[in-house]
Amino acid sequence: MLLAAAPAHAGFEEGRRAYDQGEYATAYREWRPLADQGLAAAQFLVGFMHERGQGVPPDAALAVAWYRRAAEQGDVYAQFRLGFLYAFGRAVERDDVLAADWYERAAAQGNEAARAALDQLRDEGRLAGPGASREVRQLRSAAERGAAAAQYQLALRYANGEGVSRDSAEAARWYRKAAEQGLAPAQYQLALRYANGDGVARDFEEAVKWYRRAARQGVAFAQFNLGVRYANGQGIERDPVLAYLWFSLAARGLLGKEADTARQARDSIRATLTPEQVTRGDGMVQAWRPEAESAGAAAATPRK
């Protein structure tokens, strides 16, 4: 069927006849110049012969390279073959996102086998879901390889229902993975979820743990929330001096009405302190410096 679908081209018919007769070396000699000239059908067939070792020594890397050249020109058979190779990890590292990408391209050209293969990937739970966007699948692929930034972005998608069905538990799971790698915004978001019981069981001690880690890296929202916990003794022993410290730092890092709220909280707790406690708290504020846990960990925190 692959040969029957190929376009007529000088030299191509000779290669077709030779291939049908099992004269693979002759077929390769006919098709290789056409592949070098950019004929997509010839590029696919040259790749196929390299993969199977027909007329040439088997070479999986060369096969993939030729398939890719043909696929990028729109050859539906090369697109399907690349999808297959990525789906099963043959000649390339298994990658469900790339498999789905190439299957989708072939399916868009009416290839029913590609459409069925794409559905199978979804049925096996290897994609983010039937409604998942390509962007989400790409993020998931990077997240599963351990990229903290991708884990955080994937969590945001699940939290907000962007490109995928909203799923608070899945959002919390990916926030945790990124948070454990030291990504400050993820630590803050995970703390919020423990504080509110969003996607996880409510646990104020866990919330404080993650607020503290994010706050130490300079996330002003986490600093404010940590101040609230120290002021109220929620999830941690009450400590007005530490509440004063974190409110002061939050007031310095926030903007607009949020900064006003932090300053009001700071001034309110200050009014309950002794002069000695105020002096100690001011000294802590002046001495404080952010402590990043990892490169890029203190990236800007979303306000929602």
Protein backbone atom coordinates (compact mmCIF):
# COMPACT_ATOMS: atom_id res chain seq x y z
CA MET A 1 0.00 0.00 0.00
CA LEU A 2 2.86 2.37 0.75
CA LEU A 3 4.29 1.97 -2.74
CA ALA A 4 0.90 2.28 -4.39
CA ALA A 5 0.33 5.64 -2.70
CA ALA A 6 3.66 7.10 -3.78
CA PRO A 7 3.69 9.77 -6.52
CA ALA A 8 4.99 9.11 -10.01
CA HIS A 9 8.52 10.46 -10.43
CA ALA A 10 11.46 9.77 -12.71
CA GLY A 11 13.32 6.84 -11.24
CA PHE A 12 10.64 6.11 -8.69
CA GLU A 13 8.87 3.52 -10.83
CA GLU A 14 12.14 1.67 -11.37
CA GLY A 15 12.61 1.55 -7.63
CA ARG A 16 9.03 0.35 -7.16
CA ARG A 17 9.48 -2.54 -9.57
CA ALA A 18 12.81 -3.53 -8.06
CA TYR A 19 11.34 -3.47 -4.53
CA ASP A 20 8.35 -5.58 -5.57
CA GLN A 21 10.79 -8.19 -6.93
CA GLY A 22 12.86 -8.18 -3.75
CA GLU A 23 15.77 -6.41 -5.41
CA TYR A 24 16.28 -4.09 -2.47
CA ALA A 25 19.76 -2.82 -3.32
CA THR A 26 18.50 -1.69 -6.74
CA ALA A 27 15.43 -0.05 -5.21
CA TYR A 28 17.64 1.79 -2.74
CA ARG A 29 19.91 3.06 -5.52
CA GLU A 30 16.89 4.44 -7.35
CA TRP A 31 15.27 6.07 -4.33
CA ARG A 32 18.23 7.48 -2.48
CA PRO A 33 19.00 10.28 -5.02
CA LEU A 34 15.33 11.24 -5.02
CA ALA A 35 15.37 11.35 -1.23
CA ASP A 36 18.45 13.58 -1.31
CA GLN A 37 16.58 15.89 -3.71
CA GLY A 38 13.74 16.23 -1.20
CA LEU A 39 11.07 13.85 -2.47
CA ALA A 40 9.16 12.99 0.69
CA ALA A 41 7.89 9.59 -0.48
CA ALA A 42 11.43 8.54 -1.34
CA GLN A 43 12.70 9.80 2.00
CA PHE A 44 10.12 7.68 3.80
CA LEU A 45 11.01 4.57 1.81
CA VAL A 46 14.75 5.10 2.28
CA GLY A 47 14.08 5.35 5.99
CA PHE A 48 11.96 2.21 5.89
CA MET A 49 14.76 0.29 4.18
CA HIS A 50 17.29 1.50 6.74
CA GLU A 51 14.96 0.41 9.54
CA ARG A 52 14.44 -3.05 8.03
CA GLY A 53 17.95 -3.51 6.69
CA GLN A 54 16.71 -4.01 3.14
CA GLY A 55 19.49 -3.44 0.61
CA VAL A 56 21.51 -1.55 3.25
CA PRO A 57 22.75 -2.40 6.75
CA PRO A 58 20.05 -1.77 9.38
CA ASP A 59 20.48 1.66 10.96
CA ALA A 60 17.71 2.83 13.27
CA ALA A 61 19.10 6.34 13.71
CA LEU A 62 19.26 6.90 9.96
CA ALA A 63 15.77 5.52 9.57
CA VAL A 64 14.38 8.00 12.09
CA ALA A 65 16.27 10.86 10.45
CA TRP A 66 14.75 10.05 7.06
CA TYR A 67 11.30 9.55 8.52
CA ARG A 68 11.51 12.95 10.17
CA ARG A 69 12.55 14.67 6.94
CA ALA A 70 9.61 13.12 5.14
CA ALA A 71 7.16 13.70 8.00
CA GLU A 72 8.02 17.37 8.24
CA GLN A 73 7.11 17.69 4.57
CA GLY A 74 3.72 16.17 5.34
CA ASP A 75 4.26 12.54 4.33
CA VAL A 76 1.45 10.79 6.18
CA TYR A 77 3.20 7.40 6.30
CA ALA A 78 6.33 8.89 7.81
CA GLN A 79 4.21 10.75 10.36
CA PHE A 80 2.44 7.56 11.35
CA ARG A 81 5.71 5.62 11.53
CA LEU A 82 7.32 8.21 13.78
CA GLY A 83 4.25 8.11 16.03
CA PHE A 84 4.56 4.34 16.23
CA LEU A 85 8.28 4.43 17.04
CA TYR A 86 7.83 7.00 19.80
CA ALA A 87 4.82 5.18 21.21
CA PHE A 88 6.72 1.91 21.60
CA GLY A 89 10.23 3.26 22.16
CA ARG A 90 11.72 1.63 19.08
CA ALA A 91 14.85 3.28 17.70
CA VAL A 92 14.04 6.30 19.89
CA GLU A 93 13.34 6.88 23.55
CA ARG A 94 9.66 6.34 24.28
CA ASP A 95 7.81 9.66 24.37
CA ASP A 96 4.01 9.64 24.48
CA VAL A 97 3.78 13.34 23.72
CA LEU A 98 5.78 13.05 20.50
CA ALA A 99 3.91 9.88 19.59
CA ALA A 100 0.61 11.70 19.95
CA ASP A 101 1.93 14.69 18.02
CA TRP A 102 2.89 12.63 14.98
CA TYR A 103 -0.25 10.50 15.19
CA GLU A 104 -2.32 13.70 15.27
CA ARG A 105 -0.61 15.04 12.15
CA ALA A 106 -1.29 11.80 10.28
CA ALA A 107 -4.87 11.63 11.55
CA ALA A 108 -5.48 15.19 10.36
CA GLN A 109 -4.73 13.92 6.85
CA GLY A 110 -7.38 11.24 7.18
CA ASN A 111 -5.19 8.34 8.31
CA GLU A 112 -7.58 6.17 10.32
CA ALA A 113 -4.81 3.97 11.70
CA ALA A 114 -3.22 7.05 13.26
CA ARG A 115 -6.55 8.11 14.72
CA ALA A 116 -7.06 4.66 16.25
CA ALA A 117 -3.51 4.67 17.64
CA LEU A 118 -4.10 8.07 19.22
CA ASP A 119 -7.31 6.82 20.83
CA GLN A 120 -5.41 3.82 22.16
CA LEU A 121 -2.84 6.08 23.82
CA ARG A 122 -5.67 7.91 25.56
CA ASP A 123 -7.43 4.67 26.56
CA GLU A 124 -4.20 3.44 28.13
CA GLY A 125 -3.98 6.63 30.19
CA ARG A 126 -0.73 7.66 28.52
CA LEU A 127 -1.97 11.16 27.70
CA ALA A 128 -3.34 13.81 30.02
CA GLY A 129 -6.90 12.96 28.98
CA PRO A 130 -9.24 13.17 26.01
CA GLY A 131 -9.62 16.93 26.41
CA ALA A 132 -5.96 17.66 27.00
CA SER A 133 -4.29 20.22 24.78
CA ARG A 134 -1.00 19.59 23.05
CA GLU A 135 0.63 22.13 25.39
CA VAL A 136 -0.53 20.16 28.42
CA ARG A 137 0.84 16.94 26.96
CA GLN A 138 4.19 18.62 26.34
CA LEU A 139 4.24 19.95 29.90
CA ARG A 140 3.38 16.51 31.25
CA SER A 141 6.21 14.94 29.29
CA ALA A 142 8.72 17.42 30.73
CA ALA A 143 7.16 17.17 34.19
CA GLU A 144 7.44 13.39 34.22
CA ARG A 145 11.12 13.76 33.36
CA GLY A 146 11.51 15.82 36.54
CA ALA A 147 11.51 19.43 35.26
CA ALA A 148 10.29 21.49 38.23
CA ALA A 149 9.14 24.43 36.12
CA ALA A 150 7.04 22.11 33.94
CA GLN A 151 5.61 20.43 37.04
CA TYR A 152 4.58 23.84 38.36
CA GLN A 153 3.03 24.93 35.06
CA LEU A 154 1.18 21.62 34.76
CA ALA A 155 -0.18 22.09 38.28
CA LEU A 156 -1.45 25.54 37.31
CA ARG A 157 -3.27 24.04 34.32
CA TYR A 158 -5.00 21.48 36.51
CA ALA A 159 -5.83 24.07 39.15
CA ASN A 160 -7.43 26.42 36.63
CA GLY A 161 -8.76 23.91 34.10
CA GLU A 162 -6.63 25.32 31.29
CA GLY A 163 -6.21 22.81 28.44
CA VAL A 164 -7.33 19.99 30.71
CA SER A 165 -10.23 19.22 33.08
CA ARG A 166 -9.89 20.97 36.41
CA ASP A 167 -8.53 18.57 39.02
CA SER A 168 -7.52 19.90 42.44
CA ALA A 169 -5.91 16.66 43.56
CA GLU A 170 -3.80 16.43 40.41
CA ALA A 171 -2.83 20.09 40.81
CA ALA A 172 -1.70 19.46 44.38
CA ARG A 173 0.28 16.41 43.29
CA TRP A 174 2.28 18.35 40.73
CA TYR A 175 2.72 21.34 43.03
CA ARG A 176 4.24 18.97 45.58
CA LYS A 177 6.69 17.51 43.08
CA ALA A 178 7.90 20.98 42.12
CA ALA A 179 7.88 22.17 45.73
CA GLU A 180 10.05 19.28 46.85
CA GLN A 181 12.62 20.37 44.27
CA GLY A 182 12.75 23.80 45.89
CA LEU A 183 10.55 25.81 43.51
CA ALA A 184 9.28 28.64 45.71
CA PRO A 185 6.00 29.46 43.91
CA ALA A 186 5.04 25.78 44.04
CA GLN A 187 5.80 25.71 47.76
CA TYR A 188 3.50 28.67 48.28
CA GLN A 189 0.71 27.13 46.20
CA LEU A 190 1.02 23.82 48.02
CA ALA A 191 0.80 25.64 51.37
CA LEU A 192 -2.41 27.32 50.26
CA ARG A 193 -3.90 23.96 49.42
CA TYR A 194 -3.06 22.50 52.81
CA ALA A 195 -4.45 25.59 54.50
CA ASN A 196 -7.73 25.40 52.56
CA GLY A 197 -8.07 21.63 52.10
CA ASP A 198 -7.98 22.05 48.34
CA GLY A 199 -7.06 18.76 46.67
CA VAL A 200 -5.50 17.52 49.94
CA ALA A 201 -6.73 17.03 53.48
CA ARG A 202 -6.56 20.29 55.45
CA ASP A 203 -3.40 20.30 57.54
CA PHE A 204 -2.24 23.56 59.11
CA GLU A 205 1.12 22.15 60.15
CA GLU A 206 1.86 21.14 56.57
CA ALA A 207 0.68 24.55 55.42
CA VAL A 208 3.13 26.24 57.80
CA LYS A 209 5.95 23.98 56.63
CA TRP A 210 5.51 25.01 53.01
CA TYR A 211 4.76 28.67 53.78
CA ARG A 212 8.04 28.79 55.68
CA ARG A 213 10.07 27.29 52.86
CA ALA A 214 8.58 29.69 50.32
CA ALA A 215 8.86 32.65 52.70
CA ARG A 216 12.54 32.01 53.30
CA GLN A 217 13.08 32.22 49.55
CA GLY A 218 11.39 35.61 49.40
CA VAL A 219 7.79 34.91 48.36
CA ALA A 220 5.97 37.85 49.91
CA PHE A 221 2.54 36.19 49.92
CA ALA A 222 4.01 33.25 51.83
CA GLN A 223 5.67 35.67 54.26
CA PHE A 224 2.33 37.32 54.98
CA ASN A 225 0.54 34.01 55.48
CA LEU A 226 3.33 32.76 57.72
CA GLY A 227 2.94 35.93 59.78
CA VAL A 228 -0.77 35.17 60.16
CA ARG A 229 0.04 31.67 61.44
CA TYR A 230 2.55 32.96 63.98
CA ALA A 231 0.13 35.67 65.08
CA ASN A 232 -2.74 33.23 65.61
CA GLY A 233 -0.85 30.11 66.64
CA GLN A 234 -2.40 28.15 63.78
CA GLY A 235 -0.37 25.08 62.90
CA ILE A 236 2.53 26.38 64.95
CA GLU A 237 3.15 27.83 68.41
CA ARG A 238 2.16 31.48 68.62
CA ASP A 239 5.15 33.86 68.40
CA PRO A 240 4.34 37.58 68.00
CA VAL A 241 7.97 38.53 67.30
CA LEU A 242 8.18 36.14 64.34
CA ALA A 243 4.75 37.33 63.21
CA TYR A 244 6.17 40.88 63.28
CA LEU A 245 9.19 39.75 61.25
CA TRP A 246 7.16 38.10 58.50
CA PHE A 247 4.56 40.87 58.32
CA SER A 248 7.38 43.41 58.01
CA LEU A 249 9.04 41.49 55.20
CA ALA A 250 5.71 40.99 53.42
CA ALA A 251 4.98 44.73 53.64
CA ARG A 252 8.32 45.36 51.99
CA GLY A 253 7.74 42.87 49.18
CA LEU A 254 4.07 43.37 48.32
CA LEU A 255 2.45 46.17 46.36
CA GLY A 256 -0.70 48.26 46.54
CA LYS A 257 -3.55 47.17 48.77
CA GLU A 258 -1.77 43.95 49.65
CA ALA A 259 1.18 45.93 50.98
CA ASP A 260 -1.24 48.11 52.96
CA THR A 261 -2.80 45.01 54.50
CA ALA A 262 0.65 43.70 55.49
CA ARG A 263 1.64 47.04 57.02
CA GLN A 264 -1.58 47.13 59.02
CA ALA A 265 -0.93 43.61 60.30
CA ARG A 266 2.66 44.57 61.14
CA ASP A 267 1.60 47.69 63.05
CA SER A 268 -1.15 45.80 64.86
CA ILE A 269 1.20 43.11 66.13
CA ARG A 270 3.87 45.70 66.94
CA ALA A 271 1.45 47.40 69.32
CA THR A 272 1.39 44.21 71.44
CA LEU A 273 5.19 43.89 71.71
CA THR A 274 7.50 45.17 74.40
CA PRO A 275 10.22 47.66 73.39
CA GLU A 276 12.75 44.85 73.69
CA GLN A 277 10.72 42.63 71.39
CA VAL A 278 10.36 45.42 68.85
CA THR A 279 14.12 45.98 68.88
CA ARG A 280 14.74 42.28 68.42
CA GLY A 281 12.20 42.06 65.63
CA ASP A 282 13.64 45.07 63.79
CA GLY A 283 17.09 43.53 64.03
CA MET A 284 15.78 40.32 62.46
CA VAL A 285 14.16 42.27 59.63
CA GLN A 286 17.38 44.14 58.87
CA ALA A 287 19.47 40.96 58.95
CA TRP A 288 17.10 38.85 56.86
CA ARG A 289 18.22 37.71 53.42
CA PRO A 290 16.41 35.33 51.04
CA GLU A 291 17.79 31.81 50.85
CA ALA A 292 17.07 30.20 47.48
CA GLU A 293 16.83 26.39 47.55
CA SER A 294 17.52 25.96 43.83
CA ALA A 295 18.27 27.95 40.70
CA GLY A 296 15.26 29.99 39.70
CA ALA A 297 13.35 28.92 42.81
CA ALA A 298 12.27 32.42 43.75
CA ALA A 299 10.37 33.10 40.53
CA ALA A 300 7.41 35.47 40.74
CA THR A 301 4.36 34.04 42.47
CA PRO A 302 0.98 34.23 40.74
CA ARG A 303 -1.51 36.36 42.63
CA LYS A 304 -4.28 33.81 42.28
